[in-house]
N, C-alpha and C. Protein backbone atom coordinates (compact mmCIF):
# COMPACT_ATOMS: atom_id res chain seq x y z
N UNK A 1 -4.49 19.96 -9.57
CA UNK A 1 -4.75 19.74 -11.04
C UNK A 1 -5.85 18.85 -11.23
N UNK A 2 -7.13 19.43 -11.88
CA UNK A 2 -8.04 19.01 -12.09
C UNK A 2 -8.60 17.94 -13.10
N UNK A 3 -9.49 17.30 -12.91
CA UNK A 3 -9.92 16.13 -14.00
C UNK A 3 -10.91 16.64 -15.09
N UNK A 4 -10.81 16.60 -16.00
CA UNK A 4 -11.90 16.69 -17.05
C UNK A 4 -13.09 15.69 -17.15
N UNK A 5 -14.33 16.03 -17.17
CA UNK A 5 -15.43 14.70 -17.24
C UNK A 5 -15.03 13.65 -17.82
N UNK A 6 -14.14 13.76 -19.02
CA UNK A 6 -13.68 12.70 -19.73
C UNK A 6 -12.95 11.77 -18.90
N UNK A 7 -11.84 12.61 -18.18
CA UNK A 7 -11.00 11.64 -17.32
C UNK A 7 -11.86 10.77 -16.34
N UNK A 8 -12.74 11.75 -15.85
CA UNK A 8 -13.63 11.06 -14.54
C UNK A 8 -14.19 9.94 -15.03
N UNK A 9 -14.95 10.13 -16.13
CA UNK A 9 -15.66 9.02 -16.90
C UNK A 9 -14.73 7.61 -17.09
N UNK A 10 -13.56 7.88 -17.60
CA UNK A 10 -11.98 7.04 -17.83
C UNK A 10 -11.93 6.10 -16.52
N UNK A 11 -11.88 7.03 -15.59
CA UNK A 11 -11.82 6.61 -13.93
C UNK A 11 -12.81 5.45 -13.71
N UNK A 12 -14.03 6.06 -13.84
CA UNK A 12 -15.04 4.98 -13.23
C UNK A 12 -15.22 3.92 -13.99
N UNK A 13 -14.89 3.96 -15.48
CA UNK A 13 -14.75 2.68 -16.07
C UNK A 13 -13.91 1.74 -16.20
N UNK A 14 -12.69 2.08 -14.99
CA UNK A 14 -11.60 1.31 -14.62
C UNK A 14 -11.87 0.30 -13.70
N UNK A 15 -13.01 0.92 -12.66
CA UNK A 15 -13.19 0.05 -11.32
C UNK A 15 -14.80 0.24 -11.27
N UNK A 16 -15.24 -0.85 -10.26
CA UNK A 16 -16.62 -0.89 -9.89
C UNK A 16 -16.80 -1.37 -8.64
N UNK A 17 -17.33 -0.60 -7.97
CA UNK A 17 -17.88 -1.16 -6.37
C UNK A 17 -19.22 -1.63 -6.09
N UNK A 18 -19.44 -2.92 -5.97
CA UNK A 18 -20.69 -3.27 -5.60
C UNK A 18 -20.81 -3.91 -4.20
N UNK A 19 -21.93 -3.51 -3.57
CA UNK A 19 -22.47 -4.06 -2.08
C UNK A 19 -22.92 -5.48 -2.32
N UNK A 20 -22.70 -6.66 -1.90
CA UNK A 20 -22.97 -7.88 -1.80
C UNK A 20 -23.59 -8.50 -0.31
N UNK A 21 -23.94 -9.71 -0.33
CA UNK A 21 -24.40 -10.15 0.85
C UNK A 21 -23.17 -10.53 1.49
N UNK A 22 -21.95 -10.75 1.08
CA UNK A 22 -20.84 -11.07 1.71
C UNK A 22 -19.82 -10.30 1.73
N UNK A 23 -19.90 -8.84 1.43
CA UNK A 23 -19.29 -7.75 1.68
C UNK A 23 -19.24 -7.05 0.23
N UNK A 24 -18.10 -6.02 -0.09
CA UNK A 24 -18.29 -5.15 -1.25
C UNK A 24 -17.20 -6.08 -2.32
N UNK A 25 -17.73 -5.90 -3.76
CA UNK A 25 -17.12 -6.36 -4.70
C UNK A 25 -16.19 -5.42 -5.24
N UNK A 26 -15.05 -5.38 -5.15
CA UNK A 26 -14.02 -4.37 -5.80
C UNK A 26 -13.39 -5.24 -7.23
N UNK A 27 -13.67 -4.18 -8.33
CA UNK A 27 -13.01 -4.92 -9.27
C UNK A 27 -12.06 -3.88 -9.85
N UNK A 28 -10.80 -4.54 -10.63
CA UNK A 28 -10.05 -3.69 -10.83
C UNK A 28 -9.39 -4.03 -12.17
N UNK A 29 -9.47 -3.37 -13.31
CA UNK A 29 -8.91 -3.45 -14.69
C UNK A 29 -7.65 -3.55 -14.86
N UNK A 30 -7.15 -4.84 -15.46
CA UNK A 30 -5.85 -5.28 -15.38
C UNK A 30 -4.79 -4.12 -16.26
N UNK A 31 -5.43 -3.26 -17.15
CA UNK A 31 -4.66 -2.25 -17.97
C UNK A 31 -4.44 -1.13 -16.90
N UNK A 32 -5.05 -0.99 -15.71
CA UNK A 32 -4.84 0.03 -15.14
C UNK A 32 -3.43 0.11 -14.44
N UNK A 33 -2.78 1.44 -14.87
CA UNK A 33 -1.62 1.77 -14.29
C UNK A 33 -0.54 0.94 -15.17
N UNK A 34 -0.77 0.37 -16.26
CA UNK A 34 0.13 -0.25 -17.29
C UNK A 34 0.18 0.74 -18.51
N UNK A 35 1.57 1.10 -18.95
CA UNK A 35 1.62 1.75 -19.95
C UNK A 35 1.12 1.38 -21.17
N UNK A 36 0.05 2.12 -22.19
CA UNK A 36 -0.48 1.63 -23.19
C UNK A 36 0.38 0.57 -24.15
N UNK A 37 1.62 0.88 -24.33
CA UNK A 37 2.55 -0.15 -25.01
C UNK A 37 2.58 -1.47 -24.60
N UNK A 38 2.18 -1.62 -23.44
CA UNK A 38 2.13 -3.05 -22.51
C UNK A 38 0.69 -3.58 -22.57
N UNK A 39 -0.12 -2.87 -23.33
CA UNK A 39 -1.52 -3.46 -23.41
C UNK A 39 -2.13 -3.93 -24.68
N UNK A 40 -2.85 -4.71 -24.84
CA UNK A 40 -3.25 -5.26 -25.87
C UNK A 40 -5.00 -4.63 -26.43
N UNK A 41 -5.05 -4.27 -27.32
CA UNK A 41 -6.35 -4.20 -27.96
C UNK A 41 -7.50 -5.34 -28.15
N UNK A 42 -8.29 -5.59 -27.22
CA UNK A 42 -9.79 -6.42 -27.70
C UNK A 42 -10.89 -6.34 -27.48
N UNK A 43 -11.40 -6.05 -28.35
CA UNK A 43 -12.75 -5.17 -28.11
C UNK A 43 -13.67 -5.72 -27.54
N UNK A 44 -13.59 -7.42 -27.30
CA UNK A 44 -14.86 -7.85 -26.73
C UNK A 44 -14.45 -7.95 -25.13
N UNK A 45 -13.54 -7.29 -24.69
CA UNK A 45 -12.83 -7.39 -23.36
C UNK A 45 -13.40 -6.13 -22.66
N UNK A 46 -13.60 -6.17 -21.48
CA UNK A 46 -14.32 -4.88 -20.75
C UNK A 46 -12.86 -3.80 -20.79
N UNK A 47 -13.34 -2.95 -21.26
CA UNK A 47 -12.46 -1.67 -21.47
C UNK A 47 -11.60 -1.64 -22.56
N UNK A 48 -11.71 -2.89 -23.44
CA UNK A 48 -11.20 -3.21 -24.67
C UNK A 48 -9.77 -3.34 -24.67
N UNK A 49 -9.20 -3.70 -23.52
CA UNK A 49 -7.68 -3.92 -23.35
C UNK A 49 -7.52 -5.25 -22.30
N UNK A 50 -6.29 -5.72 -22.69
CA UNK A 50 -5.92 -6.80 -21.84
C UNK A 50 -4.36 -6.72 -21.57
N UNK A 51 -4.04 -7.47 -20.78
CA UNK A 51 -2.35 -7.53 -20.28
C UNK A 51 -1.87 -8.74 -20.51
N UNK A 52 -0.82 -8.98 -21.71
CA UNK A 52 -0.26 -10.36 -21.68
C UNK A 52 0.60 -10.98 -20.69
N UNK A 53 0.22 -12.15 -20.38
CA UNK A 53 1.11 -13.16 -19.46
C UNK A 53 1.64 -14.42 -20.02
N UNK A 54 2.54 -14.24 -21.07
CA UNK A 54 2.67 -15.33 -22.22
C UNK A 54 3.78 -16.42 -21.58
N UNK A 55 4.52 -15.72 -20.99
CA UNK A 55 5.65 -16.89 -20.79
C UNK A 55 5.52 -17.58 -19.37
N UNK A 56 6.27 -18.83 -19.20
CA UNK A 56 6.21 -19.42 -17.93
C UNK A 56 6.96 -18.49 -16.90
N UNK A 57 6.17 -18.51 -15.55
CA UNK A 57 6.70 -17.47 -14.68
C UNK A 57 6.49 -16.08 -14.75
N UNK A 58 5.81 -15.79 -15.81
CA UNK A 58 5.37 -14.28 -16.28
C UNK A 58 4.59 -13.89 -15.03
N UNK A 59 3.98 -12.86 -14.54
CA UNK A 59 3.26 -12.64 -13.17
C UNK A 59 2.72 -11.13 -13.60
N UNK A 60 1.85 -10.86 -13.03
CA UNK A 60 1.23 -9.77 -12.88
C UNK A 60 0.60 -9.39 -11.26
N UNK A 61 1.05 -7.94 -10.63
CA UNK A 61 0.74 -7.95 -9.74
C UNK A 61 -0.17 -6.57 -9.33
N UNK A 62 -0.99 -6.81 -8.08
CA UNK A 62 -1.35 -5.35 -7.93
C UNK A 62 -1.29 -5.10 -6.44
N UNK A 63 -1.37 -3.76 -6.00
CA UNK A 63 -0.87 -3.53 -4.93
C UNK A 63 -2.51 -3.35 -3.89
N UNK A 64 -2.35 -3.68 -2.81
CA UNK A 64 -3.58 -3.37 -2.05
C UNK A 64 -3.15 -2.80 -0.81
N UNK A 65 -3.77 -1.86 -0.18
CA UNK A 65 -3.72 -0.84 0.93
C UNK A 65 -4.66 -1.27 1.82
N UNK A 66 -4.47 -2.06 2.74
CA UNK A 66 -5.80 -2.19 3.69
C UNK A 66 -5.39 -1.18 5.15
N UNK A 67 -6.76 -0.15 5.10
CA UNK A 67 -6.81 0.50 6.42
C UNK A 67 -6.84 0.03 7.76
N UNK A 68 -7.22 -1.31 7.36
CA UNK A 68 -7.34 -2.10 8.70
C UNK A 68 -7.47 -3.93 8.37
N UNK A 69 -7.33 -4.55 9.40
CA UNK A 69 -7.55 -6.08 9.05
C UNK A 69 -8.79 -6.10 8.16
N UNK A 70 -9.00 -6.80 7.43
CA UNK A 70 -9.78 -7.29 6.45
C UNK A 70 -9.94 -8.82 5.91
N UNK A 71 -10.97 -9.26 5.81
CA UNK A 71 -11.11 -10.50 4.93
C UNK A 71 -11.29 -10.26 3.61
N UNK A 72 -10.55 -10.89 2.39
CA UNK A 72 -10.57 -10.57 1.45
C UNK A 72 -10.67 -11.82 0.27
N UNK A 73 -11.33 -11.71 -0.51
CA UNK A 73 -11.38 -13.16 -1.69
C UNK A 73 -11.16 -13.01 -2.92
N UNK A 74 -10.68 -13.57 -3.48
CA UNK A 74 -10.37 -13.45 -4.81
C UNK A 74 -11.57 -14.17 -5.53
N UNK A 75 -12.60 -13.34 -5.86
CA UNK A 75 -14.03 -13.79 -6.46
C UNK A 75 -13.91 -14.37 -7.78
N UNK A 76 -13.35 -13.54 -8.85
CA UNK A 76 -12.99 -13.88 -10.17
C UNK A 76 -11.83 -13.12 -10.72
N UNK A 77 -11.36 -14.01 -11.81
CA UNK A 77 -10.32 -12.93 -12.69
C UNK A 77 -10.84 -13.40 -14.09
N UNK A 78 -10.64 -12.13 -14.58
CA UNK A 78 -11.26 -12.30 -16.31
C UNK A 78 -10.08 -12.71 -17.18
N UNK A 79 -10.16 -13.37 -17.93
CA UNK A 79 -8.97 -13.59 -18.93
C UNK A 79 -9.17 -14.15 -20.15
N UNK A 80 -8.31 -14.37 -21.06
CA UNK A 80 -8.72 -14.99 -22.61
C UNK A 80 -7.41 -15.88 -22.66
N UNK A 81 -7.87 -16.65 -23.36
CA UNK A 81 -6.56 -18.16 -23.60
C UNK A 81 -7.01 -18.62 -24.79
N UNK A 82 -5.59 -18.85 -25.59
CA UNK A 82 -5.91 -19.03 -26.96
C UNK A 82 -5.12 -21.01 -26.93
N UNK A 83 -6.19 -21.71 -27.53
CA UNK A 83 -5.65 -23.32 -27.31
C UNK A 83 -5.64 -24.04 -25.98
N UNK A 84 -4.31 -24.78 -25.76
CA UNK A 84 -4.22 -25.41 -24.46
C UNK A 84 -4.68 -24.69 -23.02
N UNK A 85 -4.83 -25.15 -22.26
CA UNK A 85 -5.12 -24.80 -20.48
C UNK A 85 -3.86 -24.59 -20.34
N UNK A 86 -3.86 -23.45 -19.48
CA UNK A 86 -2.87 -22.98 -18.36
C UNK A 86 -2.98 -23.09 -17.10
N UNK A 87 -1.82 -23.07 -15.95
CA UNK A 87 -2.31 -23.14 -14.72
C UNK A 87 -2.05 -22.11 -14.28
N UNK A 88 -2.65 -21.33 -13.42
CA UNK A 88 -2.37 -19.77 -13.06
C UNK A 88 -2.35 -19.90 -11.37
N UNK A 89 -1.17 -19.58 -10.68
CA UNK A 89 -1.20 -19.47 -9.20
C UNK A 89 -1.41 -17.88 -8.91
N UNK A 90 -2.34 -17.99 -7.43
CA UNK A 90 -2.72 -16.48 -7.11
C UNK A 90 -1.99 -16.62 -5.56
N UNK A 91 -1.21 -15.44 -5.22
CA UNK A 91 -0.60 -15.59 -3.99
C UNK A 91 -0.81 -13.80 -3.67
N UNK A 92 -0.51 -13.90 -2.29
CA UNK A 92 -0.23 -12.75 -1.34
C UNK A 92 1.12 -12.32 -1.02
N UNK A 93 1.62 -11.23 -1.23
CA UNK A 93 2.88 -10.91 -0.71
C UNK A 93 3.95 -11.84 -0.96
N UNK A 94 4.16 -12.47 -2.15
CA UNK A 94 5.15 -13.21 -2.48
C UNK A 94 5.30 -14.65 -1.84
N UNK A 95 4.55 -15.00 -1.19
CA UNK A 95 4.64 -16.28 -0.12
C UNK A 95 3.46 -16.96 0.00
N UNK A 96 2.15 -16.13 0.41
CA UNK A 96 1.12 -16.97 0.86
C UNK A 96 0.10 -17.28 -0.45
N UNK A 97 0.40 -18.37 -0.94
CA UNK A 97 -0.29 -18.63 -2.10
C UNK A 97 -1.63 -19.19 -1.53
N UNK A 98 -2.85 -18.57 -2.02
CA UNK A 98 -4.29 -18.68 -1.74
C UNK A 98 -4.96 -19.85 -2.86
N UNK A 99 -4.09 -20.21 -3.98
CA UNK A 99 -4.95 -21.30 -4.74
C UNK A 99 -4.56 -20.90 -6.37
N UNK A 100 -4.95 -22.03 -6.89
CA UNK A 100 -4.36 -21.92 -8.56
C UNK A 100 -6.06 -22.33 -9.06
N UNK A 101 -6.00 -21.64 -10.42
CA UNK A 101 -7.25 -22.20 -11.58
C UNK A 101 -6.49 -22.45 -12.56
N UNK A 102 -7.08 -23.13 -13.39
CA UNK A 102 -6.52 -23.73 -14.98
C UNK A 102 -7.21 -22.89 -15.86
N UNK A 103 -6.97 -22.72 -16.76
CA UNK A 103 -7.86 -22.19 -17.78
C UNK A 103 -8.20 -23.02 -18.87
N UNK A 104 -9.47 -22.54 -19.46
CA UNK A 104 -10.05 -23.45 -20.39
C UNK A 104 -9.55 -23.68 -21.63
N UNK A 105 -9.32 -25.05 -21.58
CA UNK A 105 -8.91 -25.21 -23.22
C UNK A 105 -9.67 -25.39 -24.41
N UNK A 106 -9.47 -24.83 -25.56
CA UNK A 106 -10.28 -24.49 -26.52
C UNK A 106 -9.39 -24.34 -28.01
N UNK A 107 -9.78 -25.05 -28.99
CA UNK A 107 -9.08 -25.26 -30.11
C UNK A 107 -10.02 -24.99 -31.46
N UNK A 108 -11.45 -24.44 -30.91
CA UNK A 108 -12.11 -24.42 -32.17
C UNK A 108 -12.07 -23.13 -32.99
N UNK A 109 -11.25 -22.31 -32.62
CA UNK A 109 -11.20 -21.03 -33.40
C UNK A 109 -10.08 -20.26 -33.07
N UNK A 110 -9.28 -19.84 -34.35
CA UNK A 110 -8.24 -18.90 -33.97
C UNK A 110 -8.43 -17.40 -33.31
N UNK A 111 -9.65 -17.38 -32.98
CA UNK A 111 -10.02 -15.94 -32.40
C UNK A 111 -10.26 -16.03 -31.01
N UNK A 112 -9.77 -17.24 -30.19
CA UNK A 112 -10.10 -17.43 -28.83
C UNK A 112 -9.43 -16.04 -27.92
N UNK A 113 -8.62 -15.03 -28.45
CA UNK A 113 -8.04 -14.17 -27.59
C UNK A 113 -9.25 -13.21 -27.36
N UNK A 114 -10.18 -13.48 -28.26
CA UNK A 114 -11.22 -12.18 -28.12
C UNK A 114 -12.31 -12.96 -27.51
N UNK A 115 -12.40 -14.09 -26.61
CA UNK A 115 -13.44 -14.45 -25.79
C UNK A 115 -13.20 -14.59 -24.50
N UNK A 116 -13.64 -13.63 -23.74
CA UNK A 116 -13.39 -13.21 -22.21
C UNK A 116 -14.05 -14.57 -21.22
N UNK A 117 -13.27 -15.20 -20.29
CA UNK A 117 -13.37 -16.26 -19.63
C UNK A 117 -13.12 -15.67 -18.00
N UNK A 118 -13.78 -16.43 -17.29
CA UNK A 118 -13.63 -16.43 -15.85
C UNK A 118 -13.14 -17.47 -15.21
N UNK A 119 -12.52 -17.48 -14.12
CA UNK A 119 -11.81 -18.09 -13.14
C UNK A 119 -12.80 -18.62 -12.16
N UNK A 120 -13.77 -17.85 -11.81
CA UNK A 120 -14.40 -18.23 -10.69
C UNK A 120 -13.80 -18.00 -9.53
N UNK A 121 -14.05 -18.33 -8.12
CA UNK A 121 -13.21 -17.90 -6.90
C UNK A 121 -12.14 -18.74 -6.71
N UNK A 122 -11.07 -17.96 -6.40
CA UNK A 122 -9.56 -18.63 -6.48
C UNK A 122 -9.33 -18.69 -5.04
N UNK A 123 -9.10 -20.10 -4.30
CA UNK A 123 -8.88 -20.27 -3.05
C UNK A 123 -10.02 -19.66 -1.74
N UNK A 124 -9.68 -19.48 -0.90
CA UNK A 124 -10.87 -19.23 0.13
C UNK A 124 -10.56 -17.76 0.89
N UNK A 125 -11.30 -17.41 1.68
CA UNK A 125 -11.52 -15.95 2.26
C UNK A 125 -9.93 -15.94 2.96
N UNK A 126 -9.19 -14.87 2.76
CA UNK A 126 -8.08 -14.66 3.66
C UNK A 126 -8.09 -13.33 3.92
N UNK A 127 -7.47 -13.54 5.40
CA UNK A 127 -7.53 -12.72 6.44
C UNK A 127 -6.22 -11.73 6.39
N UNK A 128 -6.09 -10.30 5.79
CA UNK A 128 -4.99 -9.51 5.38
C UNK A 128 -4.90 -8.39 6.71
N UNK A 129 -3.78 -8.40 7.11
CA UNK A 129 -3.41 -7.23 8.24
C UNK A 129 -3.53 -5.98 7.51
N UNK A 130 -3.77 -5.07 8.46
CA UNK A 130 -3.64 -3.25 8.14
C UNK A 130 -2.21 -3.41 7.16
N UNK A 131 -2.19 -2.34 6.28
CA UNK A 131 -0.96 -2.11 5.59
C UNK A 131 -1.07 -2.48 4.11
N UNK A 132 0.15 -2.59 3.64
CA UNK A 132 0.25 -2.87 2.34
C UNK A 132 0.28 -4.13 1.98
N UNK A 133 -0.07 -4.60 0.80
CA UNK A 133 -0.04 -6.14 0.39
C UNK A 133 0.16 -6.19 -1.12
N UNK A 134 0.47 -7.29 -1.64
CA UNK A 134 0.62 -7.30 -3.19
C UNK A 134 -0.27 -8.77 -3.46
N UNK A 135 -0.95 -8.69 -4.51
CA UNK A 135 -1.39 -9.84 -4.85
C UNK A 135 -0.99 -10.22 -6.31
N UNK A 136 -0.86 -11.33 -6.51
CA UNK A 136 0.49 -11.84 -7.42
C UNK A 136 -0.28 -13.01 -8.33
N UNK A 137 -0.14 -12.78 -9.83
CA UNK A 137 -0.86 -13.67 -10.52
C UNK A 137 0.07 -14.20 -11.40
N UNK A 138 0.43 -15.51 -11.56
CA UNK A 138 1.45 -16.12 -12.19
C UNK A 138 1.19 -17.39 -12.76
N UNK A 139 1.62 -17.05 -14.27
CA UNK A 139 1.77 -18.35 -15.28
C UNK A 139 2.46 -19.62 -14.84
N UNK A 140 1.94 -20.60 -14.04
CA UNK A 140 2.80 -21.64 -13.57
C UNK A 140 3.23 -23.05 -14.03
N UNK A 141 2.22 -23.29 -15.48
CA UNK A 141 2.30 -24.29 -15.88
C UNK A 141 1.50 -23.83 -17.50
N UNK A 142 2.27 -24.22 -18.23
CA UNK A 142 1.92 -23.95 -19.55
C UNK A 142 1.71 -24.65 -20.72
N UNK A 143 0.60 -25.31 -21.36
CA UNK A 143 0.39 -26.40 -22.31
C UNK A 143 0.45 -25.88 -23.42
N UNK A 144 1.02 -24.54 -24.07
CA UNK A 144 1.31 -24.09 -25.33
C UNK A 144 2.15 -23.09 -25.08
N UNK A 145 2.55 -22.36 -26.52
CA UNK A 145 3.45 -21.35 -26.31
C UNK A 145 2.58 -19.58 -25.85
N UNK A 146 1.59 -19.79 -25.82
CA UNK A 146 0.34 -18.69 -25.71
C UNK A 146 0.64 -18.01 -24.35
N UNK A 147 0.03 -18.67 -23.56
CA UNK A 147 -0.20 -18.19 -22.01
C UNK A 147 -1.83 -17.53 -21.88
N UNK A 148 -1.75 -16.56 -21.03
CA UNK A 148 -3.08 -15.80 -21.13
C UNK A 148 -3.02 -14.24 -21.56
N UNK A 149 -4.20 -13.90 -21.43
CA UNK A 149 -4.20 -12.16 -21.23
C UNK A 149 -5.04 -12.02 -20.22
N UNK A 150 -5.04 -11.11 -19.38
CA UNK A 150 -5.71 -10.79 -18.05
C UNK A 150 -6.54 -9.60 -18.28
N UNK A 151 -7.76 -9.66 -18.15
CA UNK A 151 -8.61 -8.66 -18.14
C UNK A 151 -9.03 -7.83 -17.32
N UNK A 152 -9.61 -8.66 -16.19
CA UNK A 152 -9.99 -7.77 -14.89
C UNK A 152 -9.69 -8.76 -13.52
N UNK A 153 -9.75 -8.26 -12.19
CA UNK A 153 -9.73 -8.98 -10.82
C UNK A 153 -10.66 -8.36 -10.12
N UNK A 154 -11.31 -9.35 -9.90
CA UNK A 154 -12.47 -8.96 -8.71
C UNK A 154 -12.39 -9.60 -7.46
N UNK A 155 -12.41 -8.95 -6.37
CA UNK A 155 -12.17 -8.85 -5.06
C UNK A 155 -13.20 -8.68 -4.14
N UNK A 156 -13.74 -9.66 -3.28
CA UNK A 156 -15.01 -9.26 -2.07
C UNK A 156 -14.12 -9.05 -0.99
N UNK A 157 -14.45 -7.78 -0.65
CA UNK A 157 -13.85 -7.49 0.95
C UNK A 157 -15.08 -7.22 2.06
N UNK A 158 -14.52 -7.46 2.98
CA UNK A 158 -15.44 -7.68 4.24
C UNK A 158 -15.51 -6.27 4.66
N UNK A 159 -16.66 -5.65 4.77
CA UNK A 159 -16.90 -4.27 5.15
C UNK A 159 -17.87 -3.98 6.38
N UNK A 160 -17.91 -4.54 7.37
CA UNK A 160 -19.05 -4.52 8.27
C UNK A 160 -19.17 -3.21 8.61
N UNK A 161 -18.49 -2.21 8.99
CA UNK A 161 -19.17 -0.98 9.44
C UNK A 161 -19.08 0.31 8.32
N UNK A 162 -18.69 -0.03 7.10
CA UNK A 162 -19.06 0.80 6.21
C UNK A 162 -17.94 1.52 5.84
N UNK A 163 -16.86 1.32 6.08
CA UNK A 163 -15.63 2.42 6.07
C UNK A 163 -14.76 2.21 4.91
N UNK A 164 -15.10 0.99 4.33
CA UNK A 164 -14.24 0.56 2.96
C UNK A 164 -14.32 1.88 1.86
N UNK A 165 -13.13 2.15 1.68
CA UNK A 165 -12.44 2.99 0.56
C UNK A 165 -11.80 2.69 -0.72
N UNK A 166 -12.75 2.37 -2.02
CA UNK A 166 -11.76 1.80 -2.77
C UNK A 166 -10.50 2.34 -3.43
N UNK A 167 -10.36 3.35 -3.50
CA UNK A 167 -9.36 4.27 -4.00
C UNK A 167 -8.12 4.37 -2.95
N UNK A 168 -8.18 4.23 -1.74
CA UNK A 168 -7.12 3.70 -0.80
C UNK A 168 -6.85 2.47 -0.82
N UNK A 169 -8.04 1.24 -1.13
CA UNK A 169 -7.63 -0.13 -1.26
C UNK A 169 -6.93 -0.20 -2.40
N UNK A 170 -6.83 0.25 -3.50
CA UNK A 170 -5.89 0.25 -4.61
C UNK A 170 -4.69 0.89 -4.37
N UNK A 171 -4.62 1.17 -3.20
CA UNK A 171 -3.43 2.26 -3.30
C UNK A 171 -3.36 3.48 -3.98
N UNK A 172 -4.42 3.91 -4.40
CA UNK A 172 -4.53 5.03 -5.27
C UNK A 172 -4.12 4.81 -6.89
N UNK A 173 -3.93 3.57 -7.10
CA UNK A 173 -3.48 3.15 -8.72
C UNK A 173 -4.86 3.19 -9.72
N UNK A 174 -6.06 3.63 -9.13
CA UNK A 174 -7.41 3.55 -10.24
C UNK A 174 -6.97 4.71 -11.04
N UNK A 175 -6.10 5.71 -11.09
CA UNK A 175 -5.60 6.76 -12.18
C UNK A 175 -5.04 6.14 -13.00
N UNK A 176 -5.45 6.73 -14.26
CA UNK A 176 -4.73 6.17 -15.47
C UNK A 176 -3.24 6.53 -15.64
N UNK A 177 -2.36 6.02 -16.19
CA UNK A 177 -1.00 6.38 -16.18
C UNK A 177 -0.49 7.55 -17.15
N UNK A 178 0.49 8.29 -16.78
CA UNK A 178 0.91 9.55 -17.80
C UNK A 178 1.17 8.88 -19.00
N UNK A 179 0.67 9.67 -20.05
CA UNK A 179 0.74 9.52 -21.47
C UNK A 179 2.05 9.57 -21.87
């Protein structure tokens, strides 16, 4: 099955790979692999969609497949938040918690869902063994009834030998879901 140039353009819009001084920055759009009915249109967000995490203990997971042992850092999580701040936990494989971040509190406008914010780095560099892993983002403390909307996840992956393959790293999930 081939891909049209439009499909390839959409695919390239869902991920970005940039080489930095500390490794490769791999970006994953939260709506990738999610059926459109579970996403929300937000024109100011990257790719114009977010994934809601509204209730306490709701979570979002991304599968990672490592071809060899690698150091991985959660560099940034893009999100939007409405009104009160919320606490978000980030963990690997359902048990290795790497850190928390607190969303920004802002009551200044009713349009806060349209303002993208950044977590900055969450936790420290983590050595992950070769094989499949799961990155989990969980709403663990909520100061209002709104939760967050997830936009993207950025990870820095050590690649000293130049062998990193992003499609394999995301377990092939960079392809859009079937309609």
